């Protein structure tokens, strides 16, 4: 079952548990950065046996997925639209449709927001350090000339 909800009304991705311990994700991702990456982390709502989900941020869990399957094709991912943005153009951002995408739950159920927040903090620190470090080096080189 693929369930569509209106964009901009929260996380629309639904996760259904599989017998092998993986999950199948279905839904629409309105904003996905680094669309050409080999893997990604994403939030989704786990469906119970009756198809119900927990509303709000308490219903979100964090999932790891590889964007390509073993055959090299996309892992149940359809690129709907590339965003025309002002920011970094080398980092493609897109709207994605997930249709049976295989994923692995990596947070406790309902703890997705707090788990992904830790990852975002680490990437922000990493990006800050790697932008400040060359500036410091360039400054030192200018001082020595």
N, C-alpha and C. Protein backbone atom coordinates (compact mmCIF):
# COMPACT_ATOMS: atom_id res chain seq x y z
N UNK A 1 0.84 -1.18 0.00
CA UNK A 1 0.00 0.00 0.00
C UNK A 1 0.89 1.24 0.00
N UNK A 2 0.67 2.14 -0.92
CA UNK A 2 1.39 3.40 -0.97
C UNK A 2 0.43 4.48 -0.55
N UNK A 3 0.80 5.21 0.49
CA UNK A 3 -0.09 6.21 1.06
C UNK A 3 0.46 7.59 0.76
N UNK A 4 -0.34 8.43 0.14
CA UNK A 4 0.08 9.79 -0.19
C UNK A 4 -0.62 10.78 0.71
N UNK A 5 0.12 11.72 1.24
CA UNK A 5 -0.45 12.81 2.02
C UNK A 5 -0.01 14.11 1.37
N UNK A 6 -0.65 15.19 1.71
CA UNK A 6 -0.30 16.48 1.12
C UNK A 6 1.08 16.92 1.60
N UNK A 7 1.92 17.46 0.69
CA UNK A 7 3.22 17.98 1.11
C UNK A 7 3.07 19.11 2.14
N UNK A 8 4.10 19.30 2.93
CA UNK A 8 4.18 20.36 3.94
C UNK A 8 3.24 20.11 5.11
N UNK A 9 2.76 18.90 5.30
CA UNK A 9 1.95 18.57 6.46
C UNK A 9 2.64 17.49 7.29
N UNK A 10 3.93 17.64 7.48
CA UNK A 10 4.67 16.71 8.32
C UNK A 10 5.28 15.58 7.52
N UNK A 11 5.87 14.64 8.25
CA UNK A 11 6.52 13.50 7.61
C UNK A 11 5.46 12.58 7.03
N UNK A 12 5.60 12.29 5.78
CA UNK A 12 4.61 11.49 5.07
C UNK A 12 5.12 10.08 4.77
N UNK A 13 6.29 9.75 5.21
CA UNK A 13 6.86 8.46 4.89
C UNK A 13 6.42 7.44 5.93
N UNK A 14 5.90 6.33 5.44
CA UNK A 14 5.39 5.25 6.27
C UNK A 14 6.35 4.07 6.17
N UNK A 15 6.62 3.43 7.30
CA UNK A 15 7.51 2.26 7.35
C UNK A 15 6.71 1.04 7.77
N UNK A 16 6.85 -0.02 6.99
CA UNK A 16 6.19 -1.28 7.33
C UNK A 16 7.24 -2.35 7.58
N UNK A 17 7.16 -2.97 8.75
CA UNK A 17 8.14 -4.00 9.14
C UNK A 17 8.02 -5.21 8.24
N UNK A 18 9.17 -5.80 7.93
CA UNK A 18 9.23 -7.01 7.11
C UNK A 18 9.71 -8.17 7.98
N UNK A 19 9.48 -9.37 7.51
CA UNK A 19 9.84 -10.57 8.28
C UNK A 19 11.35 -10.68 8.52
N UNK A 20 12.15 -10.12 7.61
CA UNK A 20 13.61 -10.23 7.75
C UNK A 20 14.23 -9.14 8.64
N UNK A 21 13.39 -8.31 9.27
CA UNK A 21 13.89 -7.26 10.16
C UNK A 21 14.07 -5.92 9.48
N UNK A 22 13.97 -5.87 8.16
CA UNK A 22 14.05 -4.60 7.45
C UNK A 22 12.67 -3.94 7.45
N UNK A 23 12.62 -2.76 6.88
CA UNK A 23 11.36 -2.04 6.71
C UNK A 23 11.23 -1.63 5.26
N UNK A 24 10.00 -1.53 4.79
CA UNK A 24 9.72 -0.99 3.46
C UNK A 24 9.12 0.40 3.67
N UNK A 25 9.78 1.40 3.08
CA UNK A 25 9.32 2.78 3.21
C UNK A 25 8.51 3.18 1.99
N UNK A 26 7.43 3.89 2.23
CA UNK A 26 6.59 4.42 1.16
C UNK A 26 6.16 5.82 1.54
N UNK A 27 6.19 6.72 0.57
CA UNK A 27 5.74 8.07 0.83
C UNK A 27 6.50 9.09 0.01
N UNK A 28 6.26 10.35 0.30
CA UNK A 28 6.80 11.46 -0.46
C UNK A 28 7.75 12.27 0.42
N UNK A 29 8.94 12.50 -0.08
CA UNK A 29 9.92 13.35 0.60
C UNK A 29 9.99 14.67 -0.16
N UNK A 30 9.51 15.73 0.45
CA UNK A 30 9.45 17.03 -0.21
C UNK A 30 10.83 17.68 -0.36
N UNK A 31 11.75 17.35 0.55
CA UNK A 31 13.08 17.96 0.53
C UNK A 31 14.10 16.91 0.91
N UNK A 32 14.97 16.58 -0.01
CA UNK A 32 16.02 15.60 0.25
C UNK A 32 17.34 16.14 -0.27
N UNK A 33 18.28 16.38 0.64
CA UNK A 33 19.60 16.89 0.26
C UNK A 33 20.51 15.76 -0.17
N UNK A 34 21.51 16.08 -0.96
CA UNK A 34 22.51 15.12 -1.43
C UNK A 34 21.84 13.91 -2.06
N UNK A 35 20.98 14.18 -3.00
CA UNK A 35 20.20 13.14 -3.66
C UNK A 35 21.08 12.10 -4.34
N UNK A 36 22.30 12.46 -4.69
CA UNK A 36 23.20 11.53 -5.37
C UNK A 36 24.09 10.73 -4.40
N UNK A 37 23.81 10.79 -3.11
CA UNK A 37 24.62 10.07 -2.12
C UNK A 37 24.37 8.56 -2.22
N UNK A 38 25.30 7.79 -1.68
CA UNK A 38 25.18 6.33 -1.68
C UNK A 38 24.25 5.82 -0.59
N UNK A 39 24.08 6.61 0.47
CA UNK A 39 23.22 6.23 1.59
C UNK A 39 22.59 7.47 2.16
N UNK A 40 21.57 7.28 2.97
CA UNK A 40 20.91 8.41 3.60
C UNK A 40 20.26 7.99 4.91
N UNK A 41 19.98 8.96 5.74
CA UNK A 41 19.19 8.76 6.95
C UNK A 41 17.88 9.49 6.73
N UNK A 42 16.79 8.88 7.13
CA UNK A 42 15.49 9.51 6.93
C UNK A 42 14.55 9.16 8.07
N UNK A 43 13.57 10.01 8.27
CA UNK A 43 12.55 9.79 9.29
C UNK A 43 11.32 9.17 8.65
N UNK A 44 10.66 8.28 9.38
CA UNK A 44 9.42 7.67 8.89
C UNK A 44 8.58 7.24 10.09
N UNK A 45 7.29 7.08 9.82
CA UNK A 45 6.34 6.60 10.83
C UNK A 45 6.12 5.11 10.64
N UNK A 46 6.26 4.35 11.72
CA UNK A 46 6.06 2.91 11.64
C UNK A 46 4.56 2.61 11.74
N UNK A 47 4.08 1.81 10.79
CA UNK A 47 2.68 1.35 10.80
C UNK A 47 2.56 0.13 11.69
N UNK A 48 1.45 0.09 12.45
CA UNK A 48 1.19 -1.14 13.21
C UNK A 48 0.46 -2.13 12.30
N UNK A 49 0.05 -3.26 12.84
CA UNK A 49 -0.60 -4.30 12.05
C UNK A 49 -1.91 -3.84 11.41
N UNK A 50 -2.51 -2.78 11.97
CA UNK A 50 -3.78 -2.27 11.45
C UNK A 50 -3.58 -1.06 10.54
N UNK A 51 -2.33 -0.68 10.27
CA UNK A 51 -2.05 0.45 9.40
C UNK A 51 -2.08 1.80 10.10
N UNK A 52 -2.13 1.80 11.42
CA UNK A 52 -2.16 3.04 12.19
C UNK A 52 -0.75 3.52 12.49
N UNK A 53 -0.59 4.84 12.61
CA UNK A 53 0.69 5.44 12.99
C UNK A 53 0.47 6.38 14.16
N UNK A 54 1.56 6.71 14.84
CA UNK A 54 1.51 7.67 15.95
C UNK A 54 1.74 9.06 15.37
N UNK A 55 0.83 10.01 15.63
CA UNK A 55 1.01 11.36 15.09
C UNK A 55 2.08 12.15 15.84
N UNK A 56 2.52 13.24 15.23
CA UNK A 56 3.50 14.11 15.86
C UNK A 56 4.91 13.54 15.82
N UNK A 57 5.82 14.26 16.46
CA UNK A 57 7.22 13.84 16.43
C UNK A 57 7.45 12.55 17.21
N UNK A 58 6.55 12.21 18.13
CA UNK A 58 6.70 10.96 18.90
C UNK A 58 6.50 9.72 18.04
N UNK A 59 5.95 9.90 16.85
CA UNK A 59 5.74 8.76 15.97
C UNK A 59 6.86 8.53 14.98
N UNK A 60 7.89 9.37 15.01
CA UNK A 60 8.97 9.27 14.02
C UNK A 60 10.13 8.43 14.52
N UNK A 61 10.61 7.57 13.64
CA UNK A 61 11.81 6.76 13.91
C UNK A 61 12.83 7.05 12.81
N UNK A 62 14.09 6.80 13.11
CA UNK A 62 15.18 7.08 12.18
C UNK A 62 15.57 5.79 11.44
N UNK A 63 15.74 5.92 10.12
CA UNK A 63 16.07 4.79 9.27
C UNK A 63 17.31 5.08 8.43
N UNK A 64 18.10 4.04 8.21
CA UNK A 64 19.25 4.06 7.31
C UNK A 64 18.83 3.33 6.04
N UNK A 65 19.17 3.91 4.89
CA UNK A 65 18.89 3.20 3.64
C UNK A 65 19.98 3.49 2.64
N UNK A 66 20.25 2.49 1.83
CA UNK A 66 21.18 2.64 0.72
C UNK A 66 20.35 3.03 -0.49
N UNK A 67 20.82 4.04 -1.23
CA UNK A 67 20.01 4.56 -2.33
C UNK A 67 19.97 3.63 -3.54
N UNK A 68 20.91 2.73 -3.64
CA UNK A 68 20.91 1.79 -4.76
C UNK A 68 20.82 0.36 -4.24
N UNK A 69 20.16 -0.49 -5.02
CA UNK A 69 20.07 -1.90 -4.64
C UNK A 69 21.28 -2.65 -5.19
N UNK A 70 21.32 -3.94 -4.98
CA UNK A 70 22.48 -4.75 -5.39
C UNK A 70 22.69 -4.77 -6.90
N UNK A 71 21.62 -4.56 -7.66
CA UNK A 71 21.72 -4.54 -9.12
C UNK A 71 22.19 -3.19 -9.67
N UNK A 72 22.34 -2.19 -8.79
CA UNK A 72 22.77 -0.86 -9.21
C UNK A 72 21.63 0.09 -9.51
N UNK A 73 20.40 -0.40 -9.48
CA UNK A 73 19.24 0.46 -9.70
C UNK A 73 18.85 1.17 -8.42
N UNK A 74 17.99 2.17 -8.54
CA UNK A 74 17.53 2.88 -7.36
C UNK A 74 16.69 1.97 -6.48
N UNK A 75 16.85 2.09 -5.19
CA UNK A 75 16.22 1.26 -4.17
C UNK A 75 14.78 1.72 -3.92
N UNK A 76 13.91 1.55 -4.91
CA UNK A 76 12.51 1.96 -4.74
C UNK A 76 12.36 3.46 -4.63
N UNK A 77 13.28 4.21 -5.21
CA UNK A 77 13.27 5.68 -5.14
C UNK A 77 13.02 6.24 -6.53
N UNK A 78 12.08 7.16 -6.61
CA UNK A 78 11.82 7.86 -7.87
C UNK A 78 12.05 9.35 -7.64
N UNK A 79 12.92 9.95 -8.45
CA UNK A 79 13.16 11.39 -8.34
C UNK A 79 12.03 12.10 -9.07
N UNK A 80 11.27 12.90 -8.33
CA UNK A 80 10.13 13.59 -8.89
C UNK A 80 10.51 14.95 -9.47
N UNK A 81 11.42 15.65 -8.78
CA UNK A 81 11.77 17.00 -9.21
C UNK A 81 13.06 17.42 -8.53
N UNK A 82 13.99 17.98 -9.30
CA UNK A 82 15.18 18.59 -8.71
C UNK A 82 14.82 20.02 -8.33
N UNK A 83 15.27 20.45 -7.17
CA UNK A 83 14.98 21.80 -6.68
C UNK A 83 15.88 22.81 -7.39
N UNK A 84 15.31 23.95 -7.73
CA UNK A 84 16.07 25.06 -8.28
C UNK A 84 16.38 25.99 -7.11
N UNK A 85 17.59 25.87 -6.58
CA UNK A 85 17.91 26.58 -5.34
C UNK A 85 19.09 27.52 -5.52
N UNK A 86 19.23 28.43 -4.58
CA UNK A 86 20.32 29.40 -4.62
C UNK A 86 21.59 28.87 -3.98
N UNK A 87 21.47 27.89 -3.11
CA UNK A 87 22.61 27.41 -2.35
C UNK A 87 23.60 26.62 -3.17
N UNK A 88 24.23 25.68 -2.54
CA UNK A 88 25.26 24.87 -3.18
C UNK A 88 24.65 24.04 -4.30
N UNK A 89 25.04 24.32 -5.52
CA UNK A 89 24.47 23.60 -6.66
C UNK A 89 25.13 22.23 -6.86
N UNK A 90 26.30 22.02 -6.26
CA UNK A 90 26.97 20.74 -6.38
C UNK A 90 26.30 19.67 -5.50
N UNK A 91 25.40 20.09 -4.64
CA UNK A 91 24.70 19.20 -3.73
C UNK A 91 23.22 19.16 -4.14
N UNK A 92 22.86 18.23 -5.04
CA UNK A 92 21.49 18.24 -5.56
C UNK A 92 20.45 17.96 -4.49
N UNK A 93 19.39 18.75 -4.53
CA UNK A 93 18.26 18.61 -3.62
C UNK A 93 17.04 18.27 -4.47
N UNK A 94 16.24 17.34 -4.00
CA UNK A 94 15.13 16.88 -4.84
C UNK A 94 13.91 16.51 -4.00
N UNK A 95 12.80 16.37 -4.72
CA UNK A 95 11.59 15.77 -4.17
C UNK A 95 11.60 14.31 -4.61
N UNK A 96 11.40 13.40 -3.65
CA UNK A 96 11.50 11.97 -3.93
C UNK A 96 10.21 11.24 -3.59
N UNK A 97 9.91 10.22 -4.36
CA UNK A 97 8.83 9.31 -4.05
C UNK A 97 9.46 7.98 -3.67
N UNK A 98 9.17 7.51 -2.46
CA UNK A 98 9.67 6.22 -2.00
C UNK A 98 8.55 5.20 -2.17
N UNK A 99 8.86 4.11 -2.85
CA UNK A 99 7.85 3.09 -3.12
C UNK A 99 8.45 1.71 -2.87
N UNK A 100 8.37 1.27 -1.62
CA UNK A 100 8.95 -0.03 -1.25
C UNK A 100 10.44 0.02 -1.04
N UNK A 101 10.96 1.16 -0.64
CA UNK A 101 12.39 1.33 -0.39
C UNK A 101 12.80 0.51 0.84
N UNK A 102 13.80 -0.33 0.71
CA UNK A 102 14.29 -1.13 1.83
C UNK A 102 15.15 -0.27 2.75
N UNK A 103 14.84 -0.32 4.05
CA UNK A 103 15.56 0.50 5.03
C UNK A 103 15.72 -0.28 6.33
N UNK A 104 16.61 0.22 7.18
CA UNK A 104 16.90 -0.39 8.47
C UNK A 104 16.65 0.64 9.57
N UNK A 105 15.88 0.26 10.57
CA UNK A 105 15.61 1.17 11.69
C UNK A 105 16.86 1.25 12.56
N UNK A 106 17.34 2.47 12.82
CA UNK A 106 18.57 2.63 13.60
C UNK A 106 18.35 3.41 14.90
N UNK A 107 17.10 3.81 15.16
CA UNK A 107 16.80 4.46 16.44
C UNK A 107 15.73 3.65 17.14
N UNK A 108 15.53 3.94 18.40
CA UNK A 108 14.39 3.34 19.08
C UNK A 108 13.13 3.89 18.44
N UNK A 109 12.07 3.12 18.47
CA UNK A 109 10.82 3.57 17.87
C UNK A 109 10.35 4.85 18.56
N UNK A 110 10.04 5.86 17.74
CA UNK A 110 9.57 7.14 18.26
C UNK A 110 10.68 8.08 18.70
N UNK A 111 11.93 7.68 18.56
CA UNK A 111 13.07 8.52 18.97
C UNK A 111 13.85 9.06 17.77
N UNK A 112 13.21 9.14 16.62
CA UNK A 112 13.89 9.55 15.40
C UNK A 112 14.37 10.99 15.40
N UNK A 113 13.54 11.90 15.92
CA UNK A 113 13.92 13.32 15.90
C UNK A 113 15.15 13.57 16.76
N UNK A 114 15.18 13.01 17.97
CA UNK A 114 16.35 13.22 18.82
C UNK A 114 17.58 12.55 18.22
N UNK A 115 17.40 11.41 17.56
CA UNK A 115 18.54 10.72 16.95
C UNK A 115 19.10 11.48 15.76
N UNK A 116 18.23 11.99 14.90
CA UNK A 116 18.72 12.72 13.73
C UNK A 116 19.29 14.08 14.13
N UNK A 117 18.80 14.64 15.22
CA UNK A 117 19.34 15.92 15.69
C UNK A 117 20.80 15.80 16.07
N UNK A 118 21.18 14.67 16.68
CA UNK A 118 22.59 14.45 17.03
C UNK A 118 23.45 14.39 15.77
N UNK A 119 22.95 13.72 14.74
CA UNK A 119 23.70 13.62 13.48
C UNK A 119 23.84 15.01 12.84
N UNK A 120 22.77 15.79 12.85
CA UNK A 120 22.83 17.13 12.26
C UNK A 120 23.82 18.02 13.01
N UNK A 121 23.86 17.90 14.32
CA UNK A 121 24.82 18.68 15.10
C UNK A 121 26.25 18.31 14.71
N UNK A 122 26.52 17.01 14.58
CA UNK A 122 27.87 16.58 14.20
C UNK A 122 28.24 17.07 12.79
N UNK A 123 27.32 17.03 11.85
CA UNK A 123 27.66 17.49 10.50
C UNK A 123 27.88 19.00 10.48
N UNK A 124 27.15 19.73 11.29
CA UNK A 124 27.35 21.19 11.36
C UNK A 124 28.71 21.52 11.95
N UNK A 125 29.11 20.80 12.99
CA UNK A 125 30.45 21.00 13.58
C UNK A 125 31.52 20.65 12.55
N UNK A 126 31.35 19.53 11.88
CA UNK A 126 32.31 19.10 10.85
C UNK A 126 32.43 20.17 9.76
N UNK A 127 31.32 20.64 9.24
CA UNK A 127 31.35 21.65 8.18
C UNK A 127 31.98 22.96 8.65
N UNK A 128 31.71 23.33 9.89
CA UNK A 128 32.31 24.56 10.43
C UNK A 128 33.82 24.44 10.52
N UNK A 129 34.29 23.31 11.06
CA UNK A 129 35.73 23.11 11.20
C UNK A 129 36.43 23.09 9.84
N UNK A 130 35.82 22.43 8.88
CA UNK A 130 36.46 22.29 7.58
C UNK A 130 36.31 23.54 6.71
N UNK A 131 35.55 24.51 7.15
CA UNK A 131 35.55 25.79 6.44
C UNK A 131 36.48 26.79 7.14
N UNK A 132 36.60 26.69 8.46
CA UNK A 132 37.46 27.60 9.22
C UNK A 132 38.93 27.22 9.08
N UNK A 133 39.25 25.95 9.03
CA UNK A 133 40.65 25.50 8.96
C UNK A 133 41.39 26.08 7.76
N UNK A 134 40.85 26.02 6.53
CA UNK A 134 41.59 26.62 5.41
C UNK A 134 41.70 28.14 5.53
N UNK A 135 40.67 28.77 6.09
CA UNK A 135 40.76 30.22 6.26
C UNK A 135 41.91 30.58 7.18
N UNK A 136 42.09 29.84 8.23
CA UNK A 136 43.21 30.08 9.16
C UNK A 136 44.54 29.88 8.45
N UNK A 137 44.63 28.85 7.64
CA UNK A 137 45.87 28.58 6.90
C UNK A 137 46.17 29.72 5.93
N UNK A 138 45.16 30.16 5.20
CA UNK A 138 45.36 31.27 4.25
C UNK A 138 45.78 32.54 4.98
N UNK A 139 45.19 32.78 6.11
CA UNK A 139 45.54 33.96 6.91
C UNK A 139 47.01 33.88 7.33
N UNK A 140 47.44 32.71 7.78
CA UNK A 140 48.84 32.55 8.20
C UNK A 140 49.80 32.74 7.01
N UNK A 141 49.40 32.24 5.84
CA UNK A 141 50.25 32.41 4.67
C UNK A 141 50.36 33.88 4.27
N UNK A 142 49.30 34.62 4.38
CA UNK A 142 49.33 36.06 4.05
C UNK A 142 50.21 36.79 5.06
N UNK A 143 50.18 36.41 6.31
CA UNK A 143 50.99 37.06 7.34
C UNK A 143 52.47 36.83 7.09
N UNK A 144 52.82 35.70 6.49
CA UNK A 144 54.23 35.36 6.26
C UNK A 144 54.78 35.98 4.97
N UNK A 145 53.96 36.60 4.15
CA UNK A 145 54.48 37.18 2.90
C UNK A 145 54.82 38.63 3.04
